[in-house]
Amino acid sequence: MSGLIQKISDSHLSSDVDTDLIKILELNELIRRNPEMQDRFWRKMIKILKSYPPAKNENKFLYGKIGEISFINDIIKKLFPESVELDEAVSMGSCYMNDVSVRDKGYKLDLSIKITKNISSIILINKNSSLPDDKYNIMDCCVILINIKLMSIFILPISIVKEYLKYTGPNIKLRSAVWKYILKNHPEFICKFHMTRVELEKKYPELQEINEKKIYEKLYSEL
């Protein structure tokens, strides 16, 4: 464990070392140390956003899912090649809550990935209405929050932001105030890209020429 991780860990942990938190801090630090990896990922995120603009209802799932796949393949698996995309590991449906399992030398850390375009609330779980809130063990979960407006990746345990959880009938979400709280109080959980979206698009003019893809017409034409 690096000196930085040890220093941060000591400020958060008791004598009982929380290995999940240490792995989260390590993952944050590894991403920060790879600006080229971040550059490629954010370029891809802008391509996804422009190709499948989430302002259209039919694209809301698409841009988030494709962004999730990009983060798993272009960052997580590049850093930890043994990692597993959990939706691929189940034969039907999708994995409950978590999207990727980070694997490293026998260690496993499951993470949920959520992507948002704006500084808004984020749905963590769409609940089964027949189950009470206490059946959802969300406090033990860790999450990757990708905010395109902030050009930042936030990787943290849910317990750090438990005061911002909101339980509604259909879902469990983080209130929009969570962004301000993390930015002010927990920089150790933030991987902020060194360019704004405008600066990134100026650096790569081809990003300005991307048009929306008519994915449903394409799928229909292939029937």
C-alpha atoms as a PDB file:
ATOM      1  CA  MET A   1       0.000   0.000   0.000  1.00  0.00           C
ATOM      2  CA  SER A   2       1.401   3.395  -0.991  1.00  0.00           C
ATOM      3  CA  GLY A   3       2.171   6.146   1.487  1.00  0.00           C
ATOM      4  CA  LEU A   4      -0.743   8.235   0.199  1.00  0.00           C
ATOM      5  CA  ILE A   5      -3.228   5.396   0.648  1.00  0.00           C
ATOM      6  CA  GLN A   6      -1.846   4.650   4.097  1.00  0.00           C
ATOM      7  CA  LYS A   7      -2.159   8.302   5.119  1.00  0.00           C
ATOM      8  CA  ILE A   8      -5.737   8.585   3.870  1.00  0.00           C
ATOM      9  CA  SER A   9      -6.700   5.237   5.336  1.00  0.00           C
ATOM     10  CA  ASP A  10      -5.380   6.195   8.759  1.00  0.00           C
ATOM     11  CA  SER A  11      -7.590   9.277   8.718  1.00  0.00           C
ATOM     12  CA  HIS A  12     -10.715   7.224   8.057  1.00  0.00           C
ATOM     13  CA  LEU A  13     -10.183   3.896   9.731  1.00  0.00           C
ATOM     14  CA  SER A  14     -10.026   2.488  13.208  1.00  0.00           C
ATOM     15  CA  SER A  15      -7.502  -0.182  14.176  1.00  0.00           C
ATOM     16  CA  ASP A  16      -9.728  -2.679  12.337  1.00  0.00           C
ATOM     17  CA  VAL A  17      -8.583  -2.069   8.770  1.00  0.00           C
ATOM     18  CA  ASP A  18     -11.440  -1.703   6.286  1.00  0.00           C
ATOM     19  CA  THR A  19      -9.993  -3.470   3.250  1.00  0.00           C
ATOM     20  CA  ASP A  20     -12.800  -2.317   0.919  1.00  0.00           C
ATOM     21  CA  LEU A  21     -12.044   1.313   1.694  1.00  0.00           C
ATOM     22  CA  ILE A  22      -8.340   0.760   1.105  1.00  0.00           C
ATOM     23  CA  LYS A  23      -9.076  -0.827  -2.268  1.00  0.00           C
ATOM     24  CA  ILE A  24     -11.345   2.102  -3.193  1.00  0.00           C
ATOM     25  CA  LEU A  25      -8.605   4.582  -2.321  1.00  0.00           C
ATOM     26  CA  GLU A  26      -6.122   2.525  -4.325  1.00  0.00           C
ATOM     27  CA  LEU A  27      -8.440   2.485  -7.344  1.00  0.00           C
ATOM     28  CA  ASN A  28      -8.912   6.256  -7.134  1.00  0.00           C
ATOM     29  CA  GLU A  29      -5.174   6.790  -6.961  1.00  0.00           C
ATOM     30  CA  LEU A  30      -4.445   4.450  -9.881  1.00  0.00           C
ATOM     31  CA  ILE A  31      -6.914   6.305 -12.100  1.00  0.00           C
ATOM     32  CA  ARG A  32      -5.398   9.666 -11.133  1.00  0.00           C
ATOM     33  CA  ARG A  33      -1.957   8.349 -12.103  1.00  0.00           C
ATOM     34  CA  ASN A  34      -3.188   7.486 -15.614  1.00  0.00           C
ATOM     35  CA  PRO A  35      -4.119  10.745 -17.388  1.00  0.00           C
ATOM     36  CA  GLU A  36      -3.970   9.065 -20.813  1.00  0.00           C
ATOM     37  CA  MET A  37      -6.470   6.444 -19.652  1.00  0.00           C
ATOM     38  CA  GLN A  38      -8.745   9.199 -18.354  1.00  0.00           C
ATOM     39  CA  ASP A  39      -8.377  11.081 -21.648  1.00  0.00           C
ATOM     40  CA  ARG A  40      -9.498   8.050 -23.661  1.00  0.00           C
ATOM     41  CA  PHE A  41     -12.397   7.348 -21.324  1.00  0.00           C
ATOM     42  CA  TRP A  42     -13.757  10.903 -21.343  1.00  0.00           C
ATOM     43  CA  ARG A  43     -13.443  11.144 -25.115  1.00  0.00           C
ATOM     44  CA  LYS A  44     -15.523   7.989 -25.341  1.00  0.00           C
ATOM     45  CA  MET A  45     -18.069   9.371 -22.874  1.00  0.00           C
ATOM     46  CA  ILE A  46     -18.550  12.497 -25.004  1.00  0.00           C
ATOM     47  CA  LYS A  47     -18.979  10.295 -28.093  1.00  0.00           C
ATOM     48  CA  ILE A  48     -21.605   8.230 -26.259  1.00  0.00           C
ATOM     49  CA  LEU A  49     -23.398  11.346 -25.001  1.00  0.00           C
ATOM     50  CA  LYS A  50     -23.595  12.849 -28.479  1.00  0.00           C
ATOM     51  CA  SER A  51     -24.452   9.587 -30.201  1.00  0.00           C
ATOM     52  CA  TYR A  52     -27.243   8.714 -27.758  1.00  0.00           C
ATOM     53  CA  PRO A  53     -28.380  12.009 -26.143  1.00  0.00           C
ATOM     54  CA  PRO A  54     -30.140  11.138 -22.853  1.00  0.00           C
ATOM     55  CA  ALA A  55     -32.608  14.009 -23.289  1.00  0.00           C
ATOM     56  CA  LYS A  56     -34.537  11.537 -25.431  1.00  0.00           C
ATOM     57  CA  ASN A  57     -36.357   8.918 -23.374  1.00  0.00           C
ATOM     58  CA  GLU A  58     -35.339   6.085 -25.690  1.00  0.00           C
ATOM     59  CA  ASN A  59     -31.657   6.850 -25.023  1.00  0.00           C
ATOM     60  CA  LYS A  60     -31.711   7.142 -21.220  1.00  0.00           C
ATOM     61  CA  PHE A  61     -30.810   3.499 -20.705  1.00  0.00           C
ATOM     62  CA  LEU A  62     -28.478   3.302 -23.707  1.00  0.00           C
ATOM     63  CA  TYR A  63     -26.038   6.057 -22.806  1.00  0.00           C
ATOM     64  CA  GLY A  64     -25.749   4.887 -19.212  1.00  0.00           C
ATOM     65  CA  LYS A  65     -25.237   1.231 -20.141  1.00  0.00           C
ATOM     66  CA  ILE A  66     -22.700   1.935 -22.879  1.00  0.00           C
ATOM     67  CA  GLY A  67     -20.848   4.309 -20.539  1.00  0.00           C
ATOM     68  CA  GLU A  68     -20.803   1.601 -17.874  1.00  0.00           C
ATOM     69  CA  ILE A  69     -19.335  -0.913 -20.337  1.00  0.00           C
ATOM     70  CA  SER A  70     -16.707   1.645 -21.366  1.00  0.00           C
ATOM     71  CA  PHE A  71     -15.649   2.274 -17.764  1.00  0.00           C
ATOM     72  CA  ILE A  72     -15.386  -1.449 -17.035  1.00  0.00           C
ATOM     73  CA  ASN A  73     -13.375  -2.268 -20.158  1.00  0.00           C
ATOM     74  CA  ASP A  74     -11.317   0.898 -20.597  1.00  0.00           C
ATOM     75  CA  ILE A  75     -10.430   1.513 -16.955  1.00  0.00           C
ATOM     76  CA  ILE A  76     -11.281  -1.288 -14.509  1.00  0.00           C
ATOM     77  CA  LYS A  77     -10.074  -4.193 -16.646  1.00  0.00           C
ATOM     78  CA  LYS A  78      -7.022  -2.254 -17.779  1.00  0.00           C
ATOM     79  CA  LEU A  79      -5.991  -1.783 -14.142  1.00  0.00           C
ATOM     80  CA  PHE A  80      -7.252  -5.135 -12.840  1.00  0.00           C
ATOM     81  CA  PRO A  81      -7.458  -7.605 -15.775  1.00  0.00           C
ATOM     82  CA  GLU A  82      -9.121 -10.362 -13.720  1.00  0.00           C
ATOM     83  CA  SER A  83     -12.147  -8.181 -12.975  1.00  0.00           C
ATOM     84  CA  VAL A  84     -15.606  -9.439 -13.967  1.00  0.00           C
ATOM     85  CA  GLU A  85     -18.562  -7.620 -15.506  1.00  0.00           C
ATOM     86  CA  LEU A  86     -21.341  -8.946 -13.287  1.00  0.00           C
ATOM     87  CA  ASP A  87     -24.222  -8.663 -15.760  1.00  0.00           C
ATOM     88  CA  GLU A  88     -22.299 -11.046 -18.031  1.00  0.00           C
ATOM     89  CA  ALA A  89     -21.920 -13.499 -15.162  1.00  0.00           C
ATOM     90  CA  VAL A  90     -25.664 -14.113 -14.786  1.00  0.00           C
ATOM     91  CA  SER A  91     -27.726 -16.194 -17.217  1.00  0.00           C
ATOM     92  CA  MET A  92     -30.916 -14.123 -16.929  1.00  0.00           C
ATOM     93  CA  GLY A  93     -31.619 -10.469 -16.137  1.00  0.00           C
ATOM     94  CA  SER A  94     -28.902  -8.385 -14.535  1.00  0.00           C
ATOM     95  CA  CYS A  95     -26.902  -8.468 -11.342  1.00  0.00           C
ATOM     96  CA  TYR A  96     -28.673  -6.864  -8.396  1.00  0.00           C
ATOM     97  CA  MET A  97     -27.091  -3.518  -7.407  1.00  0.00           C
ATOM     98  CA  ASN A  98     -23.489  -4.143  -8.515  1.00  0.00           C
ATOM     99  CA  ASP A  99     -22.089  -3.936 -12.043  1.00  0.00           C
ATOM    100  CA  VAL A 100     -18.440  -4.970 -11.768  1.00  0.00           C
ATOM    101  CA  SER A 101     -16.340  -7.081  -9.456  1.00  0.00           C
ATOM    102  CA  VAL A 102     -12.782  -5.792  -9.130  1.00  0.00           C
ATOM    103  CA  ARG A 103     -10.441  -8.778  -8.747  1.00  0.00           C
ATOM    104  CA  ASP A 104      -6.855  -8.381  -7.619  1.00  0.00           C
ATOM    105  CA  LYS A 105      -4.628 -11.142  -6.211  1.00  0.00           C
ATOM    106  CA  GLY A 106      -7.485 -12.993  -4.561  1.00  0.00           C
ATOM    107  CA  TYR A 107      -9.237  -9.834  -3.372  1.00  0.00           C
ATOM    108  CA  LYS A 108     -12.737  -8.963  -4.597  1.00  0.00           C
ATOM    109  CA  LEU A 109     -14.590  -5.641  -4.460  1.00  0.00           C
ATOM    110  CA  ASP A 110     -18.044  -5.328  -6.018  1.00  0.00           C
ATOM    111  CA  LEU A 111     -19.018  -1.892  -7.311  1.00  0.00           C
ATOM    112  CA  SER A 112     -22.131  -0.261  -8.709  1.00  0.00           C
ATOM    113  CA  ILE A 113     -21.645   2.190 -11.596  1.00  0.00           C
ATOM    114  CA  LYS A 114     -23.966   5.171 -12.053  1.00  0.00           C
ATOM    115  CA  ILE A 115     -23.611   7.832 -14.757  1.00  0.00           C
ATOM    116  CA  THR A 116     -25.248  11.240 -14.857  1.00  0.00           C
ATOM    117  CA  LYS A 117     -24.968  14.160 -17.244  1.00  0.00           C
ATOM    118  CA  ASN A 118     -25.804  16.817 -14.655  1.00  0.00           C
ATOM    119  CA  ILE A 119     -25.518  17.702 -10.970  1.00  0.00           C
ATOM    120  CA  SER A 120     -28.716  15.879 -10.112  1.00  0.00           C
ATOM    121  CA  SER A 121     -30.020  13.109  -7.898  1.00  0.00           C
ATOM    122  CA  ILE A 122     -28.944   9.577  -8.810  1.00  0.00           C
ATOM    123  CA  ILE A 123     -31.080   6.456  -8.591  1.00  0.00           C
ATOM    124  CA  LEU A 124     -29.096   3.666  -6.953  1.00  0.00           C
ATOM    125  CA  ILE A 125     -31.733   0.936  -6.889  1.00  0.00           C
ATOM    126  CA  ASN A 126     -35.124   0.450  -8.467  1.00  0.00           C
ATOM    127  CA  LYS A 127     -36.922  -1.328  -5.663  1.00  0.00           C
ATOM    128  CA  ASN A 128     -39.270  -4.258  -5.604  1.00  0.00           C
ATOM    129  CA  SER A 129     -42.399  -2.692  -4.110  1.00  0.00           C
ATOM    130  CA  SER A 130     -43.180  -5.866  -2.164  1.00  0.00           C
ATOM    131  CA  LEU A 131     -39.973  -5.615  -0.110  1.00  0.00           C
ATOM    132  CA  PRO A 132     -39.483  -3.251   2.863  1.00  0.00           C
ATOM    133  CA  ASP A 133     -36.573  -0.780   2.830  1.00  0.00           C
ATOM    134  CA  ASP A 134     -34.626  -2.729   5.460  1.00  0.00           C
ATOM    135  CA  LYS A 135     -34.276  -5.644   3.010  1.00  0.00           C
ATOM    136  CA  TYR A 136     -31.909  -3.592   0.875  1.00  0.00           C
ATOM    137  CA  ASN A 137     -28.379  -3.809   2.299  1.00  0.00           C
ATOM    138  CA  ILE A 138     -27.275  -0.649   0.546  1.00  0.00           C
ATOM    139  CA  MET A 139     -25.073   0.551   3.414  1.00  0.00           C
ATOM    140  CA  ASP A 140     -22.566  -2.202   2.609  1.00  0.00           C
ATOM    141  CA  CYS A 141     -22.320  -1.171  -1.044  1.00  0.00           C
ATOM    142  CA  CYS A 142     -19.646   0.816  -2.843  1.00  0.00           C
ATOM    143  CA  VAL A 143     -20.365   2.957  -5.859  1.00  0.00           C
ATOM    144  CA  ILE A 144     -18.713   4.621  -8.853  1.00  0.00           C
ATOM    145  CA  LEU A 145     -20.455   7.890  -9.729  1.00  0.00           C
ATOM    146  CA  ILE A 146     -19.518   9.365 -13.101  1.00  0.00           C
ATOM    147  CA  ASN A 147     -20.584  12.985 -13.543  1.00  0.00           C
ATOM    148  CA  ILE A 148     -20.158  14.337 -17.068  1.00  0.00           C
ATOM    149  CA  LYS A 149     -20.829  17.976 -16.174  1.00  0.00           C
ATOM    150  CA  LEU A 150     -18.119  17.853 -13.496  1.00  0.00           C
ATOM    151  CA  MET A 151     -15.853  15.654 -15.682  1.00  0.00           C
ATOM    152  CA  SER A 152     -15.189  13.666 -12.541  1.00  0.00           C
ATOM    153  CA  ILE A 153     -15.273  10.083 -11.306  1.00  0.00           C
ATOM    154  CA  PHE A 154     -16.289   9.530  -7.691  1.00  0.00           C
ATOM    155  CA  ILE A 155     -15.521   6.130  -6.123  1.00  0.00           C
ATOM    156  CA  LEU A 156     -16.687   5.712  -2.539  1.00  0.00           C
ATOM    157  CA  PRO A 157     -18.593   3.593  -0.011  1.00  0.00           C
ATOM    158  CA  ILE A 158     -22.284   4.463   0.281  1.00  0.00           C
ATOM    159  CA  SER A 159     -21.827   4.720   4.058  1.00  0.00           C
ATOM    160  CA  ILE A 160     -19.790   7.916   3.511  1.00  0.00           C
ATOM    161  CA  VAL A 161     -22.859   9.660   2.072  1.00  0.00           C
ATOM    162  CA  LYS A 162     -25.638   7.905   4.008  1.00  0.00           C
ATOM    163  CA  GLU A 163     -27.162  11.241   5.087  1.00  0.00           C
ATOM    164  CA  TYR A 164     -27.997  11.920   1.422  1.00  0.00           C
ATOM    165  CA  LEU A 165     -29.897   8.685   0.772  1.00  0.00           C
ATOM    166  CA  LYS A 166     -33.578   9.094  -0.061  1.00  0.00           C
ATOM    167  CA  TYR A 167     -35.979   6.161   0.095  1.00  0.00           C
ATOM    168  CA  THR A 168     -39.020   6.573  -2.137  1.00  0.00           C
ATOM    169  CA  GLY A 169     -41.698   4.122  -3.221  1.00  0.00           C
ATOM    170  CA  PRO A 170     -40.044   2.972  -6.458  1.00  0.00           C
ATOM    171  CA  ASN A 171     -36.352   3.510  -5.719  1.00  0.00           C
ATOM    172  CA  ILE A 172     -33.457   4.442  -3.476  1.00  0.00           C
ATOM    173  CA  LYS A 173     -31.511   7.486  -4.630  1.00  0.00           C
ATOM    174  CA  LEU A 174     -28.803   9.933  -3.628  1.00  0.00           C
ATOM    175  CA  ARG A 175     -30.083  13.502  -3.378  1.00  0.00           C
ATOM    176  CA  SER A 176     -28.451  16.097  -5.622  1.00  0.00           C
ATOM    177  CA  ALA A 177     -26.804  17.808  -2.617  1.00  0.00           C
ATOM    178  CA  VAL A 178     -24.440  14.829  -2.396  1.00  0.00           C
ATOM    179  CA  TRP A 179     -22.187  16.343  -5.082  1.00  0.00           C
ATOM    180  CA  LYS A 180     -21.489  19.501  -3.085  1.00  0.00           C
ATOM    181  CA  TYR A 181     -20.852  17.429   0.037  1.00  0.00           C
ATOM    182  CA  ILE A 182     -18.287  15.141  -1.605  1.00  0.00           C
ATOM    183  CA  LEU A 183     -16.527  17.992  -3.410  1.00  0.00           C
ATOM    184  CA  LYS A 184     -16.190  19.935  -0.172  1.00  0.00           C
ATOM    185  CA  ASN A 185     -15.382  17.143   2.266  1.00  0.00           C
ATOM    186  CA  HIS A 186     -13.932  14.128   0.443  1.00  0.00           C
ATOM    187  CA  PRO A 187     -11.446  14.982  -2.321  1.00  0.00           C
ATOM    188  CA  GLU A 188      -9.763  11.609  -1.692  1.00  0.00           C
ATOM    189  CA  PHE A 189     -12.705   9.913  -3.432  1.00  0.00           C
ATOM    190  CA  ILE A 190     -12.597  12.125  -6.544  1.00  0.00           C
ATOM    191  CA  CYS A 191     -10.762  11.622  -9.841  1.00  0.00           C
ATOM    192  CA  LYS A 192     -11.250  14.953 -11.590  1.00  0.00           C
ATOM    193  CA  PHE A 193     -10.194  15.157 -15.217  1.00  0.00           C
ATOM    194  CA  HIS A 194      -7.761  17.987 -15.948  1.00  0.00           C
ATOM    195  CA  MET A 195      -9.879  19.435 -18.775  1.00  0.00           C
ATOM    196  CA  THR A 196     -13.445  20.685 -19.031  1.00  0.00           C
ATOM    197  CA  ARG A 197     -15.730  19.206 -21.661  1.00  0.00           C
ATOM    198  CA  VAL A 198     -15.312  22.345 -23.808  1.00  0.00           C
ATOM    199  CA  GLU A 199     -11.519  22.068 -23.600  1.00  0.00           C
ATOM    200  CA  LEU A 200     -11.624  18.367 -24.479  1.00  0.00           C
ATOM    201  CA  GLU A 201     -13.749  19.031 -27.559  1.00  0.00           C
ATOM    202  CA  LYS A 202     -11.369  21.795 -28.664  1.00  0.00           C
ATOM    203  CA  LYS A 203      -8.437  19.411 -28.322  1.00  0.00           C
ATOM    204  CA  TYR A 204     -10.227  16.745 -30.380  1.00  0.00           C
ATOM    205  CA  PRO A 205     -12.267  18.552 -33.083  1.00  0.00           C
ATOM    206  CA  GLU A 206     -13.732  15.250 -34.278  1.00  0.00           C
ATOM    207  CA  LEU A 207     -15.823  15.216 -31.102  1.00  0.00           C
ATOM    208  CA  GLN A 208     -17.642  18.306 -32.358  1.00  0.00           C
ATOM    209  CA  GLU A 209     -18.684  16.507 -35.550  1.00  0.00           C
ATOM    210  CA  ILE A 210     -20.487  13.555 -33.934  1.00  0.00           C
ATOM    211  CA  ASN A 211     -24.151  13.254 -34.831  1.00  0.00           C
ATOM    212  CA  GLU A 212     -26.912  11.391 -33.049  1.00  0.00           C
ATOM    213  CA  LYS A 213     -27.181   7.731 -34.044  1.00  0.00           C
ATOM    214  CA  LYS A 214     -30.608   6.415 -34.994  1.00  0.00           C
ATOM    215  CA  ILE A 215     -30.046   3.103 -33.251  1.00  0.00           C
ATOM    216  CA  TYR A 216     -33.653   1.899 -33.298  1.00  0.00           C
ATOM    217  CA  GLU A 217     -34.055   2.454 -37.037  1.00  0.00           C
ATOM    218  CA  LYS A 218     -30.789   0.548 -37.536  1.00  0.00           C
ATOM    219  CA  LEU A 219     -31.980  -2.341 -35.383  1.00  0.00           C
ATOM    220  CA  TYR A 220     -35.257  -2.445 -37.262  1.00  0.00           C
ATOM    221  CA  SER A 221     -33.495  -2.465 -40.649  1.00  0.00           C
ATOM    222  CA  GLU A 222     -31.489  -5.512 -39.566  1.00  0.00           C
ATOM    223  CA  LEU A 223     -34.567  -7.636 -38.831  1.00  0.00           C
END
